[in-house]
Amino acid sequence: MTSPRVDEVRSCVAQARTIVVKIGSSSPAGDSGHLDARRLERLVGSIAHARMSGARIVVVSSGAIAAGFGLLGFPSRPRDVVTQQATASVGQGLLMAHYETAFARYSIRVGQILLTAQNTIQASQYRNAQRTLSRMLDLGVVPIVNENDALASNEIRFGDNDHLSALVANIVRADALVLLTDVDGLYTAPPSDPDARRIGYVPDIASVLRTVDVGGSESGVGTGGMVTKLEAARIAAASGIPTVLASAEDAGPALMGDPVGTVVAPIRHRGSSRRLWIGFAAEPRGIVVADAGAAHAVASGRASLLSAGVVGASGDFSAGDPVWIDDENGMHVAKGLSGFDSEEIPRMAGRKTGELRRELGPEYVHPVVHRDDLVLVVGRPSDGARKTAVDGV
């Protein structure tokens, strides 16, 4: 697929019917790190203008901890997880109160949606979130989405709202993702470097991830940084969604498609909602190992994984759960939905269709992972799906 021109991508953002806007902790916060109501009101004014121009808007907003730690007497953002969770539970209500007041000036209603990673990992919860958000948008409501910091465990969480915003963009089938931060775009090096230059257009996000030197969060208020924003842009690009990285001060122009910040081109047409969920939200529960021939066939993008090409499985999973498909060298080849329970696969491994029918019964004569239920990946096994590039969605 040939990369579109920068003006074409900007035009897509300007004409987007559904836009996800991610607001980082530093954007509505003052120099002290505390929530600044006036800064938030200015941001809401830009978003409300886009909403009144006909766009359906979803706001993914950090800031619950920033809103809460001052109320509880902490001089700065707490570092331990339990105190952060308690602080978020206090701050989330204040954050929503500010959003409700600010949007009410434009006669726009808002609603709160708190998600955990589990809500996107489990297919039924993913569909519930999809239905709820879709109905809110149909009713003209602006959903205010945040990670449920008060309940999310440290072991299974988004960790930053950049990743969450990309998944929400998939959930609502967004036409554009706008990431607002404390810098005015992507630079060739950390902005503190005097030789750093702003990159206005990224036609190929994969090449940027390999070559551009980016650091962590500059503000000290949030948990993300440019790395997490580029990862969110990569997920959006692979989903057919253009992304704008811009300063919160440029929120209005960014939403209008003006030449501010950095715009990231989509790299393919959008896949089905089901395949997007498999590729970016579903957390594998186990591994199915394919022999060389089967791994090559699956990697071609045209074949299902059949029992004849399976050499083993690990993990505890049920039919319908997401699994990795690995080759015998331990490389991830694909991620897909298993057609069988984990305890069934060893006795099926290596058997052809006729043997399965004769020895186990006709109910076993279907793929271990059907090609319609898998997406290709590129990368070695790591500590999570976020560090493995997803292809073919």
Protein backbone atom coordinates (compact mmCIF):
# COMPACT_ATOMS: atom_id res chain seq x y z
CA MET A 1 0.00 0.00 0.00
CA THR A 2 1.50 3.37 -1.07
CA SER A 3 1.73 5.92 1.73
CA PRO A 4 -0.68 8.85 1.29
CA ARG A 5 0.54 12.42 1.07
CA VAL A 6 0.64 14.50 4.23
CA ASP A 7 -2.19 16.77 3.01
CA GLU A 8 -4.36 13.69 2.40
CA VAL A 9 -3.79 12.45 5.95
CA ARG A 10 -4.47 15.89 7.43
CA SER A 11 -7.66 16.04 5.37
CA CYS A 12 -8.75 12.68 6.79
CA VAL A 13 -8.32 14.06 10.30
CA ALA A 14 -10.25 17.23 9.45
CA GLN A 15 -13.13 15.19 8.00
CA ALA A 16 -13.11 12.47 10.69
CA ARG A 17 -16.55 11.55 11.91
CA THR A 18 -15.36 9.80 15.08
CA ILE A 19 -12.25 11.07 16.89
CA VAL A 20 -10.53 9.75 20.01
CA VAL A 21 -8.69 12.51 21.89
CA LYS A 22 -6.16 11.46 24.50
CA ILE A 23 -5.34 14.04 27.16
CA GLY A 24 -2.24 13.30 29.24
CA SER A 25 -1.83 14.11 32.92
CA SER A 26 0.46 17.04 32.17
CA SER A 27 -2.00 18.76 29.79
CA PRO A 28 -4.64 19.84 32.35
CA ALA A 29 -2.06 20.20 35.14
CA GLY A 30 -0.21 23.34 36.18
CA ASP A 31 3.46 23.66 37.02
CA SER A 32 2.81 22.14 40.45
CA GLY A 33 1.42 18.97 38.89
CA HIS A 34 -2.03 19.62 40.35
CA LEU A 35 -5.16 19.76 38.20
CA ASP A 36 -5.59 23.24 36.72
CA ALA A 37 -9.28 23.93 36.02
CA ARG A 38 -8.56 26.79 33.60
CA ARG A 39 -6.20 24.69 31.47
CA LEU A 40 -8.81 21.95 31.38
CA GLU A 41 -11.51 24.44 30.35
CA ARG A 42 -9.37 25.64 27.43
CA LEU A 43 -8.87 22.06 26.26
CA VAL A 44 -12.57 21.34 26.54
CA GLY A 45 -13.33 24.46 24.48
CA SER A 46 -11.30 23.08 21.56
CA ILE A 47 -12.88 19.64 21.85
CA ALA A 48 -16.38 21.10 22.18
CA HIS A 49 -15.85 23.10 18.97
CA ALA A 50 -15.05 19.87 17.08
CA ARG A 51 -18.08 18.21 18.68
CA MET A 52 -20.39 21.04 17.66
CA SER A 53 -18.95 20.87 14.13
CA GLY A 54 -20.41 17.37 13.85
CA ALA A 55 -17.64 15.04 15.04
CA ARG A 56 -18.33 12.27 17.53
CA ILE A 57 -15.72 12.64 20.26
CA VAL A 58 -14.32 10.20 22.81
CA VAL A 59 -11.94 11.69 25.40
CA VAL A 60 -9.38 9.38 27.01
CA SER A 61 -8.18 11.39 29.97
CA SER A 62 -5.43 10.87 32.48
CA GLY A 63 -5.34 13.08 35.54
CA ALA A 64 -7.14 11.25 38.35
CA ILE A 65 -3.98 10.95 40.44
CA ALA A 66 -2.95 14.52 39.59
CA ALA A 67 -6.39 15.68 40.74
CA GLY A 68 -6.28 13.68 43.96
CA PHE A 69 -2.86 13.88 45.52
CA GLY A 70 -3.17 17.53 46.55
CA LEU A 71 -6.55 16.90 48.18
CA LEU A 72 -4.98 14.17 50.29
CA GLY A 73 -2.09 16.38 51.39
CA PHE A 74 0.71 14.86 49.30
CA PRO A 75 3.28 17.39 48.04
CA SER A 76 3.85 15.38 44.84
CA ARG A 77 2.54 12.35 42.97
CA PRO A 78 2.84 9.25 45.23
CA ARG A 79 5.06 6.47 43.93
CA ASP A 80 3.70 3.30 45.53
CA VAL A 81 0.86 1.56 43.72
CA VAL A 82 -1.60 1.28 46.62
CA THR A 83 -1.36 5.00 47.45
CA GLN A 84 -1.73 5.84 43.75
CA GLN A 85 -4.88 3.73 43.62
CA ALA A 86 -6.34 5.44 46.69
CA THR A 87 -5.41 8.84 45.29
CA ALA A 88 -7.00 8.01 41.93
CA SER A 89 -10.26 7.02 43.63
CA VAL A 90 -10.43 10.48 45.24
CA GLY A 91 -9.23 12.38 42.17
CA GLN A 92 -11.44 10.68 39.56
CA GLY A 93 -14.60 12.24 40.96
CA LEU A 94 -13.04 15.71 40.96
CA LEU A 95 -11.72 15.21 37.43
CA MET A 96 -15.18 14.24 36.16
CA ALA A 97 -16.79 17.17 37.97
CA HIS A 98 -14.50 19.54 36.10
CA TYR A 99 -15.26 17.86 32.77
CA GLU A 100 -19.00 17.99 33.41
CA THR A 101 -18.87 21.69 34.29
CA ALA A 102 -16.64 22.61 31.35
CA PHE A 103 -18.67 20.71 28.72
CA ALA A 104 -21.96 21.94 30.18
CA ARG A 105 -21.04 25.46 29.04
CA TYR A 106 -21.52 24.12 25.50
CA SER A 107 -24.65 22.10 26.39
CA ILE A 108 -22.71 18.88 25.88
CA ARG A 109 -23.29 15.92 28.16
CA VAL A 110 -20.47 13.64 29.26
CA GLY A 111 -20.36 10.14 30.74
CA GLN A 112 -17.66 8.29 32.62
CA ILE A 113 -16.19 4.99 31.43
CA LEU A 114 -13.51 3.34 33.59
CA LEU A 115 -11.72 0.41 31.97
CA THR A 116 -9.17 -2.13 33.05
CA ALA A 117 -6.96 -4.18 30.75
CA GLN A 118 -9.20 -7.15 31.52
CA ASN A 119 -12.10 -5.32 29.84
CA THR A 120 -10.22 -5.41 26.54
CA ILE A 121 -8.61 -8.83 26.93
CA GLN A 122 -11.87 -10.74 27.40
CA ALA A 123 -13.97 -10.84 24.23
CA SER A 124 -17.33 -10.51 26.02
CA GLN A 125 -16.19 -7.47 28.01
CA TYR A 126 -14.65 -5.95 24.88
CA ARG A 127 -18.01 -6.26 23.11
CA ASN A 128 -19.81 -4.75 26.11
CA ALA A 129 -17.48 -1.75 26.08
CA GLN A 130 -17.98 -1.44 22.32
CA ARG A 131 -21.78 -1.45 22.63
CA THR A 132 -21.83 1.03 25.52
CA LEU A 133 -19.47 3.51 23.87
CA SER A 134 -21.33 3.24 20.56
CA ARG A 135 -24.66 3.96 22.24
CA MET A 136 -23.23 6.92 24.15
CA LEU A 137 -21.96 8.42 20.90
CA ASP A 138 -25.32 7.82 19.23
CA LEU A 139 -26.95 9.76 22.08
CA GLY A 140 -24.60 12.70 21.58
CA VAL A 141 -22.68 12.04 24.80
CA VAL A 142 -18.91 12.57 25.03
CA PRO A 143 -17.48 9.54 26.88
CA ILE A 144 -14.65 10.38 29.28
CA VAL A 145 -12.54 7.22 29.44
CA ASN A 146 -9.79 6.46 31.92
CA GLU A 147 -8.07 3.39 33.24
CA ASN A 148 -9.68 2.23 36.46
CA ASP A 149 -6.55 3.01 38.48
CA ALA A 150 -8.30 2.31 41.76
CA LEU A 151 -8.83 -1.36 40.85
CA ALA A 152 -6.29 -2.25 38.15
CA SER A 153 -3.59 -4.56 39.43
CA ASN A 154 0.05 -3.72 38.75
CA GLU A 155 0.51 -7.04 36.95
CA ILE A 156 -2.21 -6.47 34.36
CA ARG A 157 -2.81 -2.87 33.42
CA PHE A 158 -2.39 -0.54 30.48
CA GLY A 159 0.21 1.42 32.43
CA ASP A 160 -0.39 4.52 30.34
CA ASN A 161 -3.39 5.99 28.59
CA ASP A 162 -1.64 6.18 25.23
CA HIS A 163 -2.03 2.44 24.77
CA LEU A 164 -5.58 2.63 26.13
CA SER A 165 -6.48 5.40 23.67
CA ALA A 166 -5.31 3.29 20.71
CA LEU A 167 -7.45 0.37 21.88
CA VAL A 168 -10.43 2.69 22.41
CA ALA A 169 -9.91 3.99 18.86
CA ASN A 170 -10.25 0.38 17.70
CA ILE A 171 -13.29 -0.23 19.89
CA VAL A 172 -15.23 2.76 18.53
CA ARG A 173 -13.92 2.35 14.96
CA ALA A 174 -12.46 5.86 15.10
CA ASP A 175 -11.46 7.81 12.00
CA ALA A 176 -8.65 9.67 13.80
CA LEU A 177 -6.63 9.52 17.02
CA VAL A 178 -5.29 12.76 18.52
CA LEU A 179 -2.68 12.45 21.28
CA LEU A 180 -2.26 15.69 23.24
CA THR A 181 0.87 16.07 25.31
CA ASP A 182 3.33 18.63 26.72
CA VAL A 183 5.49 18.78 23.57
CA ASP A 184 4.49 19.93 20.10
CA GLY A 185 5.18 16.70 18.23
CA LEU A 186 7.79 14.07 17.49
CA TYR A 187 11.41 15.19 17.29
CA THR A 188 14.50 13.60 15.77
CA ALA A 189 15.96 13.55 19.31
CA PRO A 190 14.70 14.55 22.76
CA PRO A 191 13.51 18.19 22.49
CA SER A 192 16.15 19.26 25.02
CA ASP A 193 18.80 18.41 22.40
CA PRO A 194 19.68 21.65 20.54
CA ASP A 195 19.99 19.72 17.27
CA ALA A 196 16.53 18.16 17.58
CA ARG A 197 14.11 18.89 14.73
CA ARG A 198 10.36 18.39 14.74
CA ILE A 199 9.09 15.73 12.33
CA GLY A 200 5.89 16.98 10.73
CA TYR A 201 4.91 13.82 8.87
CA VAL A 202 5.52 10.11 9.45
CA PRO A 203 4.50 8.03 6.41
CA ASP A 204 5.97 4.82 7.90
CA ILE A 205 5.70 4.48 11.68
CA ALA A 206 7.74 1.25 11.71
CA SER A 207 10.85 3.02 10.37
CA VAL A 208 10.50 5.80 12.95
CA LEU A 209 10.31 3.30 15.80
CA ARG A 210 13.63 1.87 14.59
CA THR A 211 15.51 5.11 14.03
CA VAL A 212 14.27 8.01 16.19
CA ASP A 213 15.75 8.57 19.65
CA VAL A 214 12.93 9.26 22.11
CA GLY A 215 12.94 9.53 25.86
CA GLY A 216 10.46 9.05 28.67
CA SER A 217 7.92 11.42 30.17
CA GLU A 218 9.28 14.95 30.37
CA SER A 219 6.73 16.31 32.80
CA GLY A 220 7.12 13.94 35.73
CA VAL A 221 3.33 14.05 36.12
CA GLY A 222 2.27 11.22 33.82
CA THR A 223 3.48 7.67 33.25
CA GLY A 224 4.00 7.74 29.51
CA GLY A 225 6.40 9.44 27.12
CA MET A 226 7.01 9.64 23.40
CA VAL A 227 7.76 5.90 23.26
CA THR A 228 4.24 5.03 24.40
CA LYS A 229 2.73 7.60 22.03
CA LEU A 230 4.58 6.12 19.07
CA GLU A 231 3.43 2.66 20.09
CA ALA A 232 -0.15 3.94 20.23
CA ALA A 233 0.34 5.52 16.79
CA ARG A 234 1.67 2.19 15.49
CA ILE A 235 -1.43 0.36 16.70
CA ALA A 236 -3.65 3.03 15.14
CA ALA A 237 -1.70 2.99 11.87
CA ALA A 238 -2.00 -0.79 11.59
CA SER A 239 -5.73 -0.33 12.15
CA GLY A 240 -6.13 2.18 9.33
CA ILE A 241 -6.41 5.16 11.70
CA PRO A 242 -4.32 8.36 11.23
CA THR A 243 -2.78 9.84 14.38
CA VAL A 244 -1.81 13.37 15.34
CA LEU A 245 0.76 13.98 18.09
CA ALA A 246 0.45 17.59 19.25
CA SER A 247 0.77 19.97 22.14
CA ALA A 248 -2.34 20.49 24.23
CA GLU A 249 -2.02 24.18 23.34
CA ASP A 250 -2.62 23.19 19.70
CA ALA A 251 -5.65 21.00 20.42
CA GLY A 252 -8.00 23.04 18.24
CA PRO A 253 -5.78 23.17 15.14
CA ALA A 254 -4.87 19.50 15.57
CA LEU A 255 -8.53 18.49 15.54
CA MET A 256 -9.15 20.65 12.46
CA GLY A 257 -6.35 18.98 10.48
CA ASP A 258 -4.12 22.06 10.48
CA PRO A 259 -0.34 21.59 10.03
CA VAL A 260 0.61 21.35 13.71
CA GLY A 261 2.40 18.60 15.60
CA THR A 262 3.25 15.33 13.89
CA VAL A 263 0.77 13.41 11.76
CA VAL A 264 1.23 9.65 11.35
CA ALA A 265 -0.19 7.96 8.26
CA PRO A 266 -2.19 4.73 8.41
CA ILE A 267 -0.33 1.83 6.83
CA ARG A 268 -3.27 -0.26 5.67
CA HIS A 269 -7.01 -0.32 5.42
CA ARG A 270 -8.85 -1.08 8.62
CA GLY A 271 -9.40 -4.74 9.45
CA SER A 272 -12.48 -6.25 11.03
CA SER A 273 -13.25 -5.42 14.65
CA ARG A 274 -12.71 -9.08 15.54
CA ARG A 275 -9.23 -9.19 14.01
CA LEU A 276 -8.30 -5.87 15.61
CA TRP A 277 -9.26 -7.30 18.99
CA ILE A 278 -7.18 -10.43 18.36
CA GLY A 279 -4.20 -8.39 17.24
CA PHE A 280 -4.05 -5.65 19.83
CA ALA A 281 -6.23 -6.39 22.85
CA ALA A 282 -6.44 -10.15 23.30
CA GLU A 283 -3.90 -11.49 25.81
CA PRO A 284 -2.67 -14.97 24.81
CA ARG A 285 -3.41 -17.68 27.38
CA GLY A 286 -0.97 -20.22 25.97
CA ILE A 287 1.20 -21.33 23.06
CA VAL A 288 0.61 -23.76 20.19
CA VAL A 289 3.87 -24.84 18.53
CA ALA A 290 3.89 -25.48 14.77
CA ASP A 291 6.47 -27.41 12.76
CA ALA A 292 8.51 -25.64 10.07
CA GLY A 293 6.09 -26.37 7.23
CA ALA A 294 3.00 -25.31 9.16
CA ALA A 295 4.70 -22.19 10.53
CA HIS A 296 5.68 -21.17 6.99
CA ALA A 297 2.15 -21.78 5.71
CA VAL A 298 0.59 -19.72 8.52
CA ALA A 299 3.14 -16.93 8.00
CA SER A 300 2.09 -16.72 4.35
CA GLY A 301 -1.26 -15.39 5.57
CA ARG A 302 -3.27 -17.89 3.56
CA ALA A 303 -3.42 -20.99 5.73
CA SER A 304 -5.06 -22.19 8.92
CA LEU A 305 -3.05 -24.12 11.49
CA LEU A 306 -4.05 -27.78 11.17
CA SER A 307 -3.39 -30.50 13.73
CA ALA A 308 -1.00 -32.25 11.31
CA GLY A 309 1.39 -29.31 11.64
CA VAL A 310 1.20 -29.03 15.44
CA VAL A 311 4.04 -30.42 17.54
CA GLY A 312 2.94 -29.29 21.01
CA ALA A 313 1.14 -26.81 23.23
CA SER A 314 1.67 -25.14 26.59
CA GLY A 315 -0.51 -23.13 28.94
CA ASP A 316 -4.03 -23.60 30.24
CA PHE A 317 -6.61 -22.36 27.75
CA SER A 318 -10.06 -23.21 26.42
CA ALA A 319 -11.50 -23.27 22.92
CA GLY A 320 -12.00 -19.67 21.83
CA ASP A 321 -9.16 -18.28 23.97
CA PRO A 322 -6.33 -16.32 22.29
CA VAL A 323 -3.00 -18.16 21.93
CA TRP A 324 0.40 -17.59 20.38
CA ILE A 325 1.36 -19.71 17.40
CA ASP A 326 5.13 -20.27 17.68
CA ASP A 327 7.60 -22.03 15.46
CA GLU A 328 9.96 -24.64 16.87
CA ASN A 329 12.62 -21.98 17.49
CA GLY A 330 10.33 -20.12 19.88
CA MET A 331 9.51 -17.31 17.45
CA HIS A 332 6.00 -15.86 17.45
CA VAL A 333 4.41 -16.43 14.05
CA ALA A 334 0.83 -15.41 14.76
CA LYS A 335 -1.75 -14.76 17.44
CA GLY A 336 -5.14 -16.43 17.10
CA LEU A 337 -8.15 -18.03 18.74
CA SER A 338 -7.73 -21.69 19.58
CA GLY A 339 -10.31 -24.12 18.25
CA PHE A 340 -9.67 -26.57 21.09
CA ASP A 341 -8.94 -26.79 24.81
CA SER A 342 -5.26 -27.03 25.75
CA GLU A 343 -5.62 -30.63 27.03
CA GLU A 344 -7.06 -31.78 23.69
CA ILE A 345 -4.21 -30.57 21.50
CA PRO A 346 -1.43 -33.04 22.50
CA ARG A 347 -3.43 -36.07 21.37
CA MET A 348 -4.28 -34.30 18.10
CA ALA A 349 -0.73 -33.14 17.34
CA GLY A 350 0.71 -34.48 14.11
CA ARG A 351 -2.47 -36.29 13.06
CA LYS A 352 -4.06 -35.81 9.65
CA THR A 353 -7.75 -35.22 9.07
CA GLY A 354 -8.55 -38.86 8.33
CA GLU A 355 -6.87 -40.06 11.51
CA LEU A 356 -8.70 -37.48 13.60
CA ARG A 357 -12.06 -38.47 12.15
CA ARG A 358 -11.37 -42.18 12.62
CA GLU A 359 -9.76 -42.12 16.07
CA LEU A 360 -11.26 -39.07 17.84
CA GLY A 361 -14.49 -38.34 15.98
CA PRO A 362 -15.81 -35.80 13.45
CA GLU A 363 -15.91 -32.98 16.02
CA TYR A 364 -12.10 -32.88 15.83
CA VAL A 365 -11.99 -32.32 12.08
CA HIS A 366 -11.45 -28.56 12.02
CA PRO A 367 -8.37 -26.32 12.30
CA VAL A 368 -6.56 -25.83 15.58
CA VAL A 369 -6.56 -22.12 14.65
CA HIS A 370 -8.61 -21.02 11.63
CA ARG A 371 -7.01 -18.47 9.32
CA ASP A 372 -9.98 -16.12 9.83
CA ASP A 373 -9.19 -16.10 13.57
CA LEU A 374 -5.50 -15.21 13.46
CA VAL A 375 -3.25 -12.25 12.79
CA LEU A 376 0.42 -12.44 11.88
CA VAL A 377 3.12 -11.10 14.19
CA VAL A 378 6.82 -10.34 13.89
CA GLY A 379 9.12 -10.74 16.88
CA ARG A 380 10.47 -13.05 19.52
CA PRO A 381 8.51 -13.99 22.64
CA SER A 382 8.63 -11.17 25.15
CA ASP A 383 6.89 -9.98 28.31
CA GLY A 384 3.71 -9.05 26.46
CA ALA A 385 1.96 -8.52 23.17
CA ARG A 386 2.79 -4.80 23.19
CA LYS A 387 6.45 -5.52 22.34
CA THR A 388 5.59 -7.71 19.36
CA ALA A 389 4.73 -6.09 16.06
CA VAL A 390 1.34 -7.09 14.73
CA ASP A 391 0.79 -7.48 11.01
CA GLY A 392 -2.02 -8.56 8.76
CA VAL A 393 -4.95 -6.93 10.58
